[in-house]
Amino acid sequence: MRSAFELPATVKRSLTSALHDALGREVEVAYERAEGVVCGVEIRAGGHSLAWSLESYLDALERRLADGLGAHPFAREGNLSR
């Protein structure tokens, strides 16, 4: 489990318990700080990654807005300026 900030012990216990419930008790859970995970968390296991961060949220929001604006007739006619 990686995060940009130190997680409180109570949060670590809850996350470890949830991961053990989902993946099995034999799974070892380690915690580390990672500056690249901006305001979020990342779980890495077996070559896979599950992450949520402010950066990924804003990227998804930007894509949704661009898709939505691109579908709007006003935008397709070139009436939107940047």
N, C-alpha and C. Protein backbone atom coordinates (compact mmCIF):
# COMPACT_ATOMS: atom_id res chain seq x y z
N MET A 1 0.85 -1.16 0.00
CA MET A 1 0.00 0.00 0.00
C MET A 1 0.90 1.21 0.00
N ARG A 2 0.70 2.08 -0.98
CA ARG A 2 1.49 3.30 -1.09
C ARG A 2 0.59 4.51 -0.96
N SER A 3 1.09 5.55 -0.32
CA SER A 3 0.35 6.81 -0.21
C SER A 3 1.36 7.94 -0.09
N ALA A 4 0.90 9.15 -0.43
CA ALA A 4 1.78 10.31 -0.37
C ALA A 4 2.01 10.78 1.06
N PHE A 5 1.24 10.27 1.98
CA PHE A 5 1.31 10.70 3.37
C PHE A 5 1.31 9.49 4.28
N GLU A 6 1.78 9.67 5.48
CA GLU A 6 1.80 8.59 6.47
C GLU A 6 0.37 8.30 6.93
N LEU A 7 -0.05 7.06 6.82
CA LEU A 7 -1.39 6.68 7.25
C LEU A 7 -1.40 6.41 8.75
N PRO A 8 -2.45 6.84 9.45
CA PRO A 8 -2.55 6.55 10.88
C PRO A 8 -2.65 5.04 11.12
N ALA A 9 -2.20 4.60 12.27
CA ALA A 9 -2.19 3.17 12.60
C ALA A 9 -3.59 2.56 12.51
N THR A 10 -4.61 3.30 12.92
CA THR A 10 -5.98 2.76 12.85
C THR A 10 -6.41 2.52 11.41
N VAL A 11 -6.01 3.40 10.51
CA VAL A 11 -6.34 3.24 9.09
C VAL A 11 -5.59 2.04 8.52
N LYS A 12 -4.32 1.90 8.89
CA LYS A 12 -3.53 0.76 8.43
C LYS A 12 -4.17 -0.55 8.88
N ARG A 13 -4.60 -0.61 10.13
CA ARG A 13 -5.24 -1.84 10.62
C ARG A 13 -6.50 -2.15 9.84
N SER A 14 -7.32 -1.14 9.59
CA SER A 14 -8.56 -1.34 8.83
C SER A 14 -8.28 -1.79 7.40
N LEU A 15 -7.32 -1.16 6.75
CA LEU A 15 -6.96 -1.54 5.38
C LEU A 15 -6.38 -2.95 5.33
N THR A 16 -5.51 -3.26 6.26
CA THR A 16 -4.92 -4.60 6.30
C THR A 16 -6.00 -5.65 6.50
N SER A 17 -6.93 -5.39 7.39
CA SER A 17 -8.03 -6.33 7.63
C SER A 17 -8.89 -6.51 6.38
N ALA A 18 -9.20 -5.41 5.70
CA ALA A 18 -10.01 -5.49 4.48
C ALA A 18 -9.28 -6.25 3.38
N LEU A 19 -7.98 -6.00 3.23
CA LEU A 19 -7.20 -6.72 2.23
C LEU A 19 -7.10 -8.21 2.56
N HIS A 20 -6.92 -8.54 3.82
CA HIS A 20 -6.88 -9.94 4.22
C HIS A 20 -8.23 -10.62 3.98
N ASP A 21 -9.31 -9.93 4.24
CA ASP A 21 -10.65 -10.49 3.98
C ASP A 21 -10.85 -10.75 2.48
N ALA A 22 -10.33 -9.85 1.64
CA ALA A 22 -10.52 -9.96 0.20
C ALA A 22 -9.53 -10.93 -0.46
N LEU A 23 -8.29 -10.95 0.04
CA LEU A 23 -7.23 -11.69 -0.65
C LEU A 23 -6.69 -12.89 0.12
N GLY A 24 -7.02 -12.98 1.39
CA GLY A 24 -6.52 -14.08 2.21
C GLY A 24 -5.52 -13.61 3.24
N ARG A 25 -5.48 -14.31 4.34
CA ARG A 25 -4.61 -13.93 5.47
C ARG A 25 -3.13 -14.10 5.16
N GLU A 26 -2.80 -14.94 4.17
CA GLU A 26 -1.39 -15.17 3.86
C GLU A 26 -0.74 -14.00 3.12
N VAL A 27 -1.55 -13.05 2.67
CA VAL A 27 -1.03 -11.89 1.95
C VAL A 27 -0.35 -10.94 2.94
N GLU A 28 0.90 -10.61 2.65
CA GLU A 28 1.63 -9.67 3.49
C GLU A 28 1.36 -8.26 2.98
N VAL A 29 0.98 -7.37 3.87
CA VAL A 29 0.67 -5.99 3.50
C VAL A 29 1.77 -5.09 4.06
N ALA A 30 2.39 -4.33 3.17
CA ALA A 30 3.44 -3.38 3.56
C ALA A 30 2.99 -1.98 3.17
N TYR A 31 3.38 -1.02 3.95
CA TYR A 31 3.00 0.38 3.72
C TYR A 31 4.24 1.20 3.44
N GLU A 32 4.13 2.11 2.47
CA GLU A 32 5.24 3.01 2.18
C GLU A 32 4.71 4.35 1.67
N ARG A 33 5.51 5.36 1.88
CA ARG A 33 5.19 6.70 1.36
C ARG A 33 5.73 6.81 -0.05
N ALA A 34 4.94 7.44 -0.92
CA ALA A 34 5.35 7.63 -2.31
C ALA A 34 4.89 9.01 -2.75
N GLU A 35 5.84 9.87 -3.02
CA GLU A 35 5.52 11.25 -3.37
C GLU A 35 4.66 11.35 -4.63
N GLY A 36 4.79 10.38 -5.54
CA GLY A 36 4.06 10.43 -6.80
C GLY A 36 2.57 10.15 -6.70
N VAL A 37 2.12 9.68 -5.57
CA VAL A 37 0.70 9.38 -5.38
C VAL A 37 0.08 10.61 -4.70
N VAL A 38 -0.32 11.58 -5.52
CA VAL A 38 -0.77 12.88 -5.01
C VAL A 38 -2.17 12.76 -4.39
N CYS A 39 -2.27 13.03 -3.12
CA CYS A 39 -3.54 13.01 -2.39
C CYS A 39 -4.33 11.74 -2.68
N GLY A 40 -3.69 10.60 -2.57
CA GLY A 40 -4.40 9.36 -2.84
C GLY A 40 -3.66 8.16 -2.29
N VAL A 41 -4.08 6.98 -2.76
CA VAL A 41 -3.47 5.72 -2.34
C VAL A 41 -3.33 4.81 -3.56
N GLU A 42 -2.41 3.85 -3.44
CA GLU A 42 -2.20 2.88 -4.50
C GLU A 42 -1.93 1.53 -3.85
N ILE A 43 -2.57 0.50 -4.37
CA ILE A 43 -2.34 -0.87 -3.92
C ILE A 43 -1.65 -1.59 -5.07
N ARG A 44 -0.51 -2.21 -4.78
CA ARG A 44 0.22 -2.99 -5.78
C ARG A 44 0.31 -4.42 -5.31
N ALA A 45 0.00 -5.35 -6.22
CA ALA A 45 0.10 -6.77 -5.88
C ALA A 45 0.18 -7.59 -7.16
N GLY A 46 1.11 -8.51 -7.20
CA GLY A 46 1.21 -9.43 -8.30
C GLY A 46 1.30 -8.78 -9.67
N GLY A 47 2.00 -7.66 -9.77
CA GLY A 47 2.15 -6.98 -11.04
C GLY A 47 0.97 -6.12 -11.43
N HIS A 48 -0.03 -6.02 -10.57
CA HIS A 48 -1.21 -5.20 -10.83
C HIS A 48 -1.23 -4.02 -9.87
N SER A 49 -1.96 -2.99 -10.27
CA SER A 49 -2.05 -1.79 -9.44
C SER A 49 -3.49 -1.27 -9.44
N LEU A 50 -3.94 -0.87 -8.28
CA LEU A 50 -5.25 -0.23 -8.12
C LEU A 50 -4.98 1.08 -7.40
N ALA A 51 -5.33 2.20 -8.05
CA ALA A 51 -4.97 3.49 -7.47
C ALA A 51 -6.11 4.48 -7.57
N TRP A 52 -6.13 5.38 -6.62
CA TRP A 52 -7.01 6.55 -6.67
C TRP A 52 -6.19 7.71 -6.14
N SER A 53 -6.19 8.80 -6.91
CA SER A 53 -5.50 10.00 -6.46
C SER A 53 -6.23 11.21 -7.00
N LEU A 54 -5.93 12.35 -6.45
CA LEU A 54 -6.52 13.59 -6.93
C LEU A 54 -6.16 13.79 -8.40
N GLU A 55 -4.93 13.47 -8.75
CA GLU A 55 -4.49 13.63 -10.14
C GLU A 55 -5.31 12.76 -11.09
N SER A 56 -5.52 11.48 -10.73
CA SER A 56 -6.30 10.60 -11.61
C SER A 56 -7.76 11.04 -11.67
N TYR A 57 -8.29 11.53 -10.56
CA TYR A 57 -9.66 12.04 -10.54
C TYR A 57 -9.80 13.25 -11.47
N LEU A 58 -8.86 14.18 -11.39
CA LEU A 58 -8.92 15.38 -12.23
C LEU A 58 -8.71 15.02 -13.71
N ASP A 59 -7.84 14.05 -14.00
CA ASP A 59 -7.65 13.60 -15.38
C ASP A 59 -8.96 13.03 -15.94
N ALA A 60 -9.63 12.19 -15.16
CA ALA A 60 -10.90 11.60 -15.60
C ALA A 60 -11.96 12.67 -15.78
N LEU A 61 -12.00 13.64 -14.89
CA LEU A 61 -12.97 14.73 -14.99
C LEU A 61 -12.72 15.55 -16.25
N GLU A 62 -11.45 15.83 -16.53
CA GLU A 62 -11.10 16.59 -17.73
C GLU A 62 -11.54 15.84 -18.99
N ARG A 63 -11.30 14.52 -19.04
CA ARG A 63 -11.73 13.73 -20.19
C ARG A 63 -13.24 13.76 -20.36
N ARG A 64 -13.96 13.61 -19.25
CA ARG A 64 -15.43 13.63 -19.31
C ARG A 64 -15.95 14.98 -19.80
N LEU A 65 -15.35 16.06 -19.32
CA LEU A 65 -15.76 17.39 -19.77
C LEU A 65 -15.47 17.58 -21.25
N ALA A 66 -14.27 17.16 -21.69
CA ALA A 66 -13.91 17.29 -23.10
C ALA A 66 -14.85 16.47 -23.98
N ASP A 67 -15.16 15.24 -23.55
CA ASP A 67 -16.10 14.40 -24.30
C ASP A 67 -17.47 15.05 -24.36
N GLY A 68 -17.92 15.58 -23.24
CA GLY A 68 -19.23 16.22 -23.18
C GLY A 68 -19.30 17.47 -24.03
N LEU A 69 -18.26 18.28 -23.97
CA LEU A 69 -18.25 19.50 -24.78
C LEU A 69 -18.10 19.18 -26.26
N GLY A 70 -17.32 18.15 -26.57
CA GLY A 70 -17.14 17.76 -27.96
C GLY A 70 -18.42 17.25 -28.58
N ALA A 71 -19.33 16.72 -27.77
CA ALA A 71 -20.59 16.20 -28.27
C ALA A 71 -21.63 17.31 -28.43
N HIS A 72 -21.36 18.46 -27.88
CA HIS A 72 -22.32 19.57 -27.92
C HIS A 72 -22.25 20.24 -29.29
N PRO A 73 -23.39 20.48 -29.96
CA PRO A 73 -23.39 21.09 -31.29
C PRO A 73 -22.66 22.44 -31.33
N PHE A 74 -22.80 23.22 -30.30
CA PHE A 74 -22.16 24.53 -30.23
C PHE A 74 -20.65 24.38 -30.33
N ALA A 75 -20.08 23.37 -29.64
CA ALA A 75 -18.64 23.14 -29.66
C ALA A 75 -18.19 22.61 -31.01
N ARG A 76 -18.98 21.74 -31.63
CA ARG A 76 -18.61 21.17 -32.93
C ARG A 76 -18.55 22.23 -34.01
N GLU A 77 -19.33 23.28 -33.88
CA GLU A 77 -19.35 24.34 -34.89
C GLU A 77 -18.18 25.31 -34.73
N GLY A 78 -17.32 25.06 -33.74
CA GLY A 78 -16.15 25.91 -33.53
C GLY A 78 -16.46 27.21 -32.81
N ASN A 79 -17.56 27.23 -32.09
CA ASN A 79 -17.97 28.45 -31.40
C ASN A 79 -17.36 28.60 -30.01
N LEU A 80 -16.65 27.58 -29.55
CA LEU A 80 -16.02 27.68 -28.23
C LEU A 80 -14.58 28.12 -28.41
N SER A 81 -14.18 29.14 -27.70
CA SER A 81 -12.78 29.56 -27.77
C SER A 81 -12.04 29.01 -26.58
N ARG A 82 -10.74 28.87 -26.74
CA ARG A 82 -9.92 28.32 -25.64
C ARG A 82 -9.35 29.43 -24.84
